[in-house]
Amino acid sequence: MLMKNKVAQAVIVASLSSQGFALELGDFNGTQFSVGGYVKAEGVFNNPDESNSTFEGSASQSRLNVTTSRKEGDHNLKGFIEGDFRGASSVFRLRHATITIDNLTIGQTWTGQFYANAPFDTEIINFYGTGIGTVSGNGAVVRPDLVVHYAKDGMRLTLQDPLYNEAHYPDMVAAYTHRTSGGHALNVAVTGRDVSLNNGDSEFGAALSLAAKLNFGDTSVTLSGFSGEGAAIYAGWGYNGAAGTAATSELDGNGDLVTVSGFSAGIGHKISDKLRVNLRYGQVTSDEVNSSLADDTLKTTTANMIYTYLPGLELGVELRDQNAASNSAPSGNIATRPAGQQVEVMAMYKF
């Protein structure tokens, strides 16, 4: 058994794959092995609108992953598995487990909605979701048990484990990304899913999402918007917050599908090689389902500053303001984030 240690750090996967750095372990029988992940400590000061202020701390976001890759003839074969400690009582849980053969990826991983928004969004520290205001703002369903992606030449076709248990077909996303020579990028995506009508029947709901990231030197501007039916449970607002069930998210009082819409806008600026700042606003709104509801729109504002103290070691602070409860929990295993303000401080070491 031959293992060649290469003691080197290299950025092998962009942030979407949840790896920032990776330690290449070497080659074993033609397969390359590497490990990666990060250790993160976070503290969150909560100032809810209708209850007492609290402070919570956690290191459970820390994660570990293993990547394997090899060449078989003309085919590229890759395996990726990752876990963190965000399970019940900080038990190690599965985040990603995928097999990639050339352009096809199968396993538990990011949704098609996530890929249609995350690469084009402003950076946030908040752990949950890709940001309220996008069609993928709900962290609770960001990694279904089974996802199939086919990606080639900017096109991505996705089939996902359906959120409706008796759905006739998988949830689906078709997306296309156009990148310019100037570093700008635009994504257009169509989502569709079978939605329960709570009477034994179901109906197909579809939504359209647009997202863009414009790069101007050290400054980036991000814009996104979506609208349609059947998207509320992915977008993170259904009058029970992002944790709302399909029934409360997608239907009005008459049992008909409602239209949910959202948008976000953000700006990020690299002040120096070590310091960057970001400002973001997002909101999601829906057709009225109950006139007694105090508000039918979820609004959130985020501002942060991230400092690279040493290579791989980042320190950050983030301010958040949200007008209604959602499941964007700041730390630990908290089920919901109440309306109000939060300040998060964090230290993260990537390896």
Protein backbone atom coordinates (compact mmCIF):
# COMPACT_ATOMS: atom_id res chain seq x y z
CA MET A 1 0.00 0.00 0.00
CA LEU A 2 1.63 3.20 -1.17
CA MET A 3 0.64 6.60 0.19
CA LYS A 4 2.55 9.67 -0.99
CA ASN A 5 2.06 12.54 1.46
CA LYS A 6 2.07 15.91 -0.29
CA VAL A 7 1.75 18.22 2.72
CA ALA A 8 0.30 21.11 0.73
CA GLN A 9 -2.75 23.32 0.94
CA ALA A 10 -4.72 24.11 -2.18
CA VAL A 11 -8.07 25.61 -2.91
CA ILE A 12 -9.73 22.69 -4.71
CA VAL A 13 -13.41 23.47 -4.51
CA ALA A 14 -15.26 26.79 -4.42
CA SER A 15 -17.38 27.76 -1.44
CA LEU A 16 -20.48 26.11 -2.93
CA SER A 17 -19.06 22.69 -2.21
CA SER A 18 -18.44 23.75 1.40
CA GLN A 19 -14.67 23.37 1.08
CA GLY A 20 -12.39 26.38 1.26
CA PHE A 21 -9.02 24.67 1.66
CA ALA A 22 -8.10 21.00 1.52
CA LEU A 23 -5.12 18.98 2.64
CA GLU A 24 -4.08 16.59 -0.11
CA LEU A 25 -3.21 13.25 1.48
CA GLY A 26 -1.85 11.60 -1.63
CA ASP A 27 -2.47 8.82 -4.12
CA PHE A 28 -3.63 5.28 -3.29
CA ASN A 29 -4.06 2.80 -6.15
CA GLY A 30 -4.76 5.61 -8.59
CA THR A 31 -7.21 7.50 -6.36
CA GLN A 32 -6.40 10.95 -4.98
CA PHE A 33 -7.51 11.58 -1.37
CA SER A 34 -7.90 14.92 0.40
CA VAL A 35 -9.50 16.12 3.62
CA GLY A 36 -10.96 19.54 4.36
CA GLY A 37 -13.41 21.48 6.42
CA TYR A 38 -13.25 24.10 9.14
CA VAL A 39 -13.53 24.75 12.85
CA LYS A 40 -15.90 27.59 13.65
CA ALA A 41 -16.82 29.20 16.97
CA GLU A 42 -19.75 31.63 17.00
CA GLY A 43 -21.51 33.76 19.57
CA VAL A 44 -24.88 35.38 18.91
CA PHE A 45 -26.46 38.26 20.85
CA ASN A 46 -30.25 38.09 20.36
CA ASN A 47 -32.48 41.12 20.88
CA PRO A 48 -36.03 39.93 20.06
CA ASP A 49 -38.82 42.45 19.62
CA GLU A 50 -41.14 40.70 22.07
CA SER A 51 -38.96 38.89 24.63
CA ASN A 52 -35.78 39.20 26.67
CA SER A 53 -32.34 39.49 25.16
CA THR A 54 -30.12 36.40 25.21
CA PHE A 55 -26.65 35.23 24.25
CA GLU A 56 -25.83 31.86 22.71
CA GLY A 57 -22.56 30.28 21.72
CA SER A 58 -21.69 27.19 19.70
CA ALA A 59 -18.93 25.42 17.80
CA SER A 60 -21.32 22.85 16.29
CA GLN A 61 -21.06 24.36 12.81
CA SER A 62 -17.55 22.87 12.54
CA ARG A 63 -17.32 20.34 9.73
CA LEU A 64 -15.09 17.71 8.16
CA ASN A 65 -15.06 16.31 4.63
CA VAL A 66 -13.22 13.77 2.50
CA THR A 67 -12.84 13.96 -1.30
CA THR A 68 -11.68 11.16 -3.58
CA SER A 69 -11.02 11.49 -7.31
CA ARG A 70 -9.69 9.26 -10.06
CA LYS A 71 -9.60 8.90 -13.83
CA GLU A 72 -11.15 5.82 -15.46
CA GLY A 73 -10.47 5.88 -19.18
CA ASP A 74 -12.10 9.03 -20.51
CA HIS A 75 -14.23 9.47 -17.39
CA ASN A 76 -13.62 11.54 -14.25
CA LEU A 77 -14.94 9.92 -11.07
CA LYS A 78 -15.26 11.82 -7.79
CA GLY A 79 -16.69 11.04 -4.35
CA PHE A 80 -17.43 13.62 -1.66
CA ILE A 81 -18.72 13.12 1.89
CA GLU A 82 -19.07 15.77 4.57
CA GLY A 83 -20.58 16.08 8.02
CA ASP A 84 -20.91 18.60 10.82
CA PHE A 85 -22.14 18.65 14.42
CA ARG A 86 -25.48 20.43 13.90
CA GLY A 87 -27.51 17.31 14.65
CA ALA A 88 -29.53 16.76 17.83
CA SER A 89 -27.32 17.23 20.92
CA SER A 90 -24.44 18.19 18.58
CA VAL A 91 -24.27 14.68 17.11
CA PHE A 92 -22.18 14.39 13.93
CA ARG A 93 -24.63 14.49 10.99
CA LEU A 94 -24.39 13.95 7.25
CA ARG A 95 -24.36 17.10 5.10
CA HIS A 96 -23.20 15.85 1.71
CA ALA A 97 -22.62 12.44 0.18
CA THR A 98 -22.21 12.51 -3.58
CA ILE A 99 -20.84 10.59 -6.54
CA THR A 100 -19.86 12.63 -9.60
CA ILE A 101 -19.24 11.00 -12.98
CA ASP A 102 -18.18 13.62 -15.52
CA ASN A 103 -21.15 16.05 -15.65
CA LEU A 104 -23.56 13.98 -13.53
CA THR A 105 -23.79 14.24 -9.72
CA ILE A 106 -25.98 11.96 -7.58
CA GLY A 107 -26.50 11.95 -3.82
CA GLN A 108 -27.37 14.22 -0.92
CA THR A 109 -26.24 17.75 -1.73
CA TRP A 110 -27.35 21.28 -2.61
CA THR A 111 -30.65 21.81 -4.41
CA GLY A 112 -30.97 23.23 -7.90
CA GLN A 113 -32.47 26.35 -6.29
CA PHE A 114 -29.31 26.78 -4.23
CA TYR A 115 -27.03 26.62 -7.28
CA ALA A 116 -29.30 29.12 -9.06
CA ASN A 117 -28.73 31.72 -6.34
CA ALA A 118 -25.76 31.09 -4.04
CA PRO A 119 -22.99 31.89 -6.57
CA PHE A 120 -24.69 35.22 -7.30
CA ASP A 121 -25.49 36.37 -3.74
CA THR A 122 -23.75 38.69 -1.31
CA GLU A 123 -21.70 36.96 1.39
CA ILE A 124 -23.38 36.44 4.76
CA ILE A 125 -22.15 34.78 7.96
CA ASN A 126 -25.57 33.48 9.02
CA PHE A 127 -25.45 29.69 8.75
CA TYR A 128 -28.96 29.01 7.46
CA GLY A 129 -29.98 29.26 3.83
CA THR A 130 -28.50 31.32 1.02
CA GLY A 131 -30.34 34.42 2.10
CA ILE A 132 -33.98 35.45 2.42
CA GLY A 133 -35.30 36.97 -0.78
CA THR A 134 -34.13 34.17 -3.08
CA VAL A 135 -36.00 31.06 -4.21
CA SER A 136 -33.56 29.04 -2.06
CA GLY A 137 -33.78 31.02 1.19
CA ASN A 138 -34.97 28.10 3.34
CA GLY A 139 -32.09 26.35 5.06
CA ALA A 140 -34.36 23.50 6.16
CA VAL A 141 -34.54 22.01 2.65
CA VAL A 142 -31.22 23.11 1.20
CA ARG A 143 -29.85 19.54 1.00
CA PRO A 144 -32.54 16.93 0.17
CA ASP A 145 -31.83 13.24 0.76
CA LEU A 146 -31.44 12.61 -2.97
CA VAL A 147 -30.52 15.04 -5.73
CA VAL A 148 -29.52 14.41 -9.34
CA HIS A 149 -27.65 17.20 -11.15
CA TYR A 150 -26.58 17.28 -14.77
CA ALA A 151 -24.42 20.33 -15.52
CA LYS A 152 -22.74 21.28 -18.79
CA ASP A 153 -21.86 24.51 -20.60
CA GLY A 154 -23.77 26.71 -18.15
CA MET A 155 -26.88 24.52 -18.14
CA ARG A 156 -27.96 22.67 -14.99
CA LEU A 157 -30.88 20.23 -14.85
CA THR A 158 -31.91 18.98 -11.42
CA LEU A 159 -34.29 16.36 -10.02
CA GLN A 160 -34.81 16.31 -6.25
CA ASP A 161 -36.45 14.16 -3.59
CA PRO A 162 -39.96 15.74 -3.51
CA LEU A 163 -41.05 17.68 -0.44
CA TYR A 164 -44.59 16.31 -0.91
CA ASN A 165 -44.43 12.64 0.13
CA GLU A 166 -47.09 11.53 -2.37
CA ALA A 167 -45.80 13.58 -5.31
CA HIS A 168 -46.15 11.99 -8.73
CA TYR A 169 -42.65 13.07 -9.79
CA PRO A 170 -39.52 14.67 -8.31
CA ASP A 171 -39.18 18.37 -7.61
CA MET A 172 -37.27 19.87 -10.51
CA VAL A 173 -35.13 22.84 -11.56
CA ALA A 174 -33.81 23.89 -14.96
CA ALA A 175 -31.25 26.69 -14.91
CA TYR A 176 -28.77 28.43 -17.20
CA THR A 177 -25.82 30.65 -16.24
CA HIS A 178 -24.24 33.17 -18.62
CA ARG A 179 -20.85 34.62 -17.70
CA THR A 180 -19.26 37.58 -19.49
CA SER A 181 -15.59 38.27 -20.19
CA GLY A 182 -15.85 41.18 -17.75
CA GLY A 183 -16.59 38.89 -14.82
CA HIS A 184 -20.35 39.45 -14.63
CA ALA A 185 -22.78 36.54 -14.32
CA LEU A 186 -26.53 36.02 -14.83
CA ASN A 187 -28.63 33.00 -13.91
CA VAL A 188 -32.18 32.20 -14.97
CA ALA A 189 -33.98 29.23 -13.42
CA VAL A 190 -37.42 27.62 -13.61
CA THR A 191 -38.57 25.52 -10.65
CA GLY A 192 -41.49 23.11 -10.46
CA ARG A 193 -43.01 20.74 -7.91
CA ASP A 194 -46.14 18.74 -7.19
CA VAL A 195 -48.01 20.41 -4.30
CA SER A 196 -50.55 18.74 -1.99
CA LEU A 197 -53.98 20.44 -1.95
CA ASN A 198 -54.90 18.77 1.38
CA ASN A 199 -57.89 17.02 -0.18
CA GLY A 200 -56.11 14.01 -1.64
CA ASP A 201 -55.32 15.85 -4.88
CA SER A 202 -52.23 17.76 -5.96
CA GLU A 203 -51.36 20.54 -8.38
CA PHE A 204 -48.20 21.51 -10.22
CA GLY A 205 -46.65 24.83 -9.18
CA ALA A 206 -43.89 26.62 -11.10
CA ALA A 207 -41.76 29.69 -10.42
CA LEU A 208 -39.19 31.80 -12.27
CA SER A 209 -35.95 32.99 -10.66
CA LEU A 210 -33.41 35.54 -11.91
CA ALA A 211 -30.07 36.28 -10.24
CA ALA A 212 -27.09 38.39 -11.23
CA LYS A 213 -23.66 39.27 -9.87
CA LEU A 214 -21.84 42.27 -11.30
CA ASN A 215 -18.13 42.65 -10.53
CA PHE A 216 -16.38 46.03 -10.64
CA GLY A 217 -12.84 45.52 -9.42
CA ASP A 218 -12.95 45.12 -5.65
CA THR A 219 -16.71 45.76 -5.53
CA SER A 220 -19.53 43.37 -6.40
CA VAL A 221 -23.25 44.07 -6.73
CA THR A 222 -25.82 41.27 -6.49
CA LEU A 223 -29.48 41.30 -7.51
CA SER A 224 -32.09 38.55 -7.51
CA GLY A 225 -35.84 38.10 -7.84
CA PHE A 226 -38.36 35.30 -8.14
CA SER A 227 -42.10 34.77 -8.39
CA GLY A 228 -44.43 31.83 -8.83
CA GLU A 229 -46.36 29.00 -7.21
CA GLY A 230 -45.04 26.03 -5.25
CA ALA A 231 -41.85 27.87 -4.28
CA ALA A 232 -42.70 29.09 -0.77
CA ILE A 233 -41.31 26.11 1.11
CA TYR A 234 -37.98 26.48 -0.71
CA ALA A 235 -37.96 30.29 -0.42
CA GLY A 236 -38.53 30.36 3.32
CA TRP A 237 -41.81 32.13 3.93
CA GLY A 238 -45.22 30.57 4.41
CA TYR A 239 -46.81 32.34 7.37
CA ASN A 240 -45.16 29.82 9.69
CA GLY A 241 -41.72 31.08 8.81
CA ALA A 242 -39.31 29.01 6.79
CA ALA A 243 -40.30 25.90 8.75
CA GLY A 244 -43.88 26.16 7.46
CA THR A 245 -45.32 22.96 6.03
CA ALA A 246 -46.36 22.69 2.39
CA ALA A 247 -49.98 23.28 3.37
CA THR A 248 -49.38 26.52 5.24
CA SER A 249 -46.77 27.73 2.78
CA GLU A 250 -48.36 27.09 -0.59
CA LEU A 251 -52.16 27.34 -0.17
CA ASP A 252 -54.70 30.02 0.65
CA GLY A 253 -57.82 29.58 2.75
CA ASN A 254 -59.68 28.10 -0.23
CA GLY A 255 -57.01 25.46 -0.82
CA ASP A 256 -55.67 27.15 -3.97
CA LEU A 257 -51.99 27.72 -4.76
CA VAL A 258 -50.74 31.17 -3.83
CA THR A 259 -48.08 33.20 -5.64
CA VAL A 260 -44.94 33.92 -3.62
CA SER A 261 -42.45 36.58 -4.71
CA GLY A 262 -39.13 37.80 -3.39
CA PHE A 263 -36.11 39.90 -4.20
CA SER A 264 -32.70 40.71 -2.77
CA ALA A 265 -29.98 43.27 -3.38
CA GLY A 266 -26.50 43.46 -1.96
CA ILE A 267 -23.08 44.99 -2.27
CA GLY A 268 -19.70 43.63 -1.23
CA HIS A 269 -16.39 45.49 -1.14
CA LYS A 270 -12.85 44.29 -0.58
CA ILE A 271 -11.22 47.05 1.44
CA SER A 272 -7.82 45.35 1.47
CA ASP A 273 -6.29 41.92 0.95
CA LYS A 274 -7.44 41.03 4.47
CA LEU A 275 -10.66 42.97 5.06
CA ARG A 276 -14.00 42.79 3.25
CA VAL A 277 -17.47 44.19 4.05
CA ASN A 278 -20.94 43.26 2.82
CA LEU A 279 -24.43 44.77 2.99
CA ARG A 280 -27.57 42.89 1.93
CA TYR A 281 -31.37 43.31 1.97
CA GLY A 282 -33.96 40.66 1.09
CA GLN A 283 -37.69 40.13 1.38
CA VAL A 284 -40.33 37.52 0.57
CA THR A 285 -44.06 38.18 0.28
CA SER A 286 -47.13 36.13 -0.60
CA ASP A 287 -50.73 36.41 -1.65
CA GLU A 288 -52.92 37.02 1.39
CA VAL A 289 -54.14 33.76 2.89
CA ASN A 290 -55.64 35.14 6.09
CA SER A 291 -56.72 38.75 6.70
CA SER A 292 -55.93 38.39 10.43
CA LEU A 293 -52.19 38.03 9.79
CA ALA A 294 -50.20 41.01 11.02
CA ASP A 295 -47.72 40.91 8.16
CA ASP A 296 -47.45 38.94 4.93
CA THR A 297 -43.86 39.94 4.15
CA LEU A 298 -40.58 38.73 5.66
CA LYS A 299 -37.84 41.38 5.50
CA THR A 300 -34.23 40.94 6.54
CA THR A 301 -31.19 43.22 6.47
CA THR A 302 -27.64 41.95 6.97
CA ALA A 303 -24.31 43.78 7.31
CA ASN A 304 -20.97 42.15 8.07
CA MET A 305 -17.23 42.65 8.23
CA ILE A 306 -14.79 39.75 7.75
CA TYR A 307 -11.08 39.97 8.50
CA THR A 308 -8.50 37.39 7.40
CA TYR A 309 -6.17 37.40 10.40
CA LEU A 310 -3.95 34.61 9.04
CA PRO A 311 -4.24 32.47 5.89
CA GLY A 312 -7.25 30.22 6.50
CA LEU A 313 -8.22 32.02 9.74
CA GLU A 314 -11.09 34.52 9.57
CA LEU A 315 -12.71 36.73 12.21
CA GLY A 316 -16.10 38.27 11.55
CA VAL A 317 -18.99 40.25 12.95
CA GLU A 318 -22.49 40.44 11.45
CA LEU A 319 -25.53 42.56 12.28
CA ARG A 320 -28.98 41.23 11.32
CA ASP A 321 -32.47 42.70 11.54
CA GLN A 322 -35.62 40.70 10.71
CA ASN A 323 -39.26 41.70 11.02
CA ALA A 324 -40.85 38.25 11.50
CA ALA A 325 -39.94 34.81 12.83
CA SER A 326 -38.29 32.24 10.57
CA ASN A 327 -36.16 29.14 11.02
CA SER A 328 -32.92 31.02 10.39
CA ALA A 329 -31.50 29.82 13.68
CA PRO A 330 -28.22 31.53 14.66
CA SER A 331 -26.58 28.67 16.55
CA GLY A 332 -27.04 25.28 18.15
CA ASN A 333 -30.33 23.52 17.49
CA ILE A 334 -32.69 26.45 17.86
CA ALA A 335 -35.85 25.86 15.82
CA THR A 336 -36.73 29.46 14.99
CA ARG A 337 -35.23 32.90 14.79
CA PRO A 338 -37.63 35.51 16.25
CA ALA A 339 -38.31 38.95 14.89
CA GLY A 340 -35.72 41.41 16.10
CA GLN A 341 -32.01 42.11 15.90
CA GLN A 342 -28.95 39.89 16.19
CA VAL A 343 -25.22 40.44 16.39
CA GLU A 344 -22.99 37.46 15.58
CA VAL A 345 -19.25 37.25 16.17
CA MET A 346 -17.27 34.33 14.80
CA ALA A 347 -13.83 32.85 14.34
CA MET A 348 -13.34 30.26 11.59
CA TYR A 349 -10.24 28.24 10.74
CA LYS A 350 -10.40 26.52 7.35
CA PHE A 351 -8.21 23.56 6.50
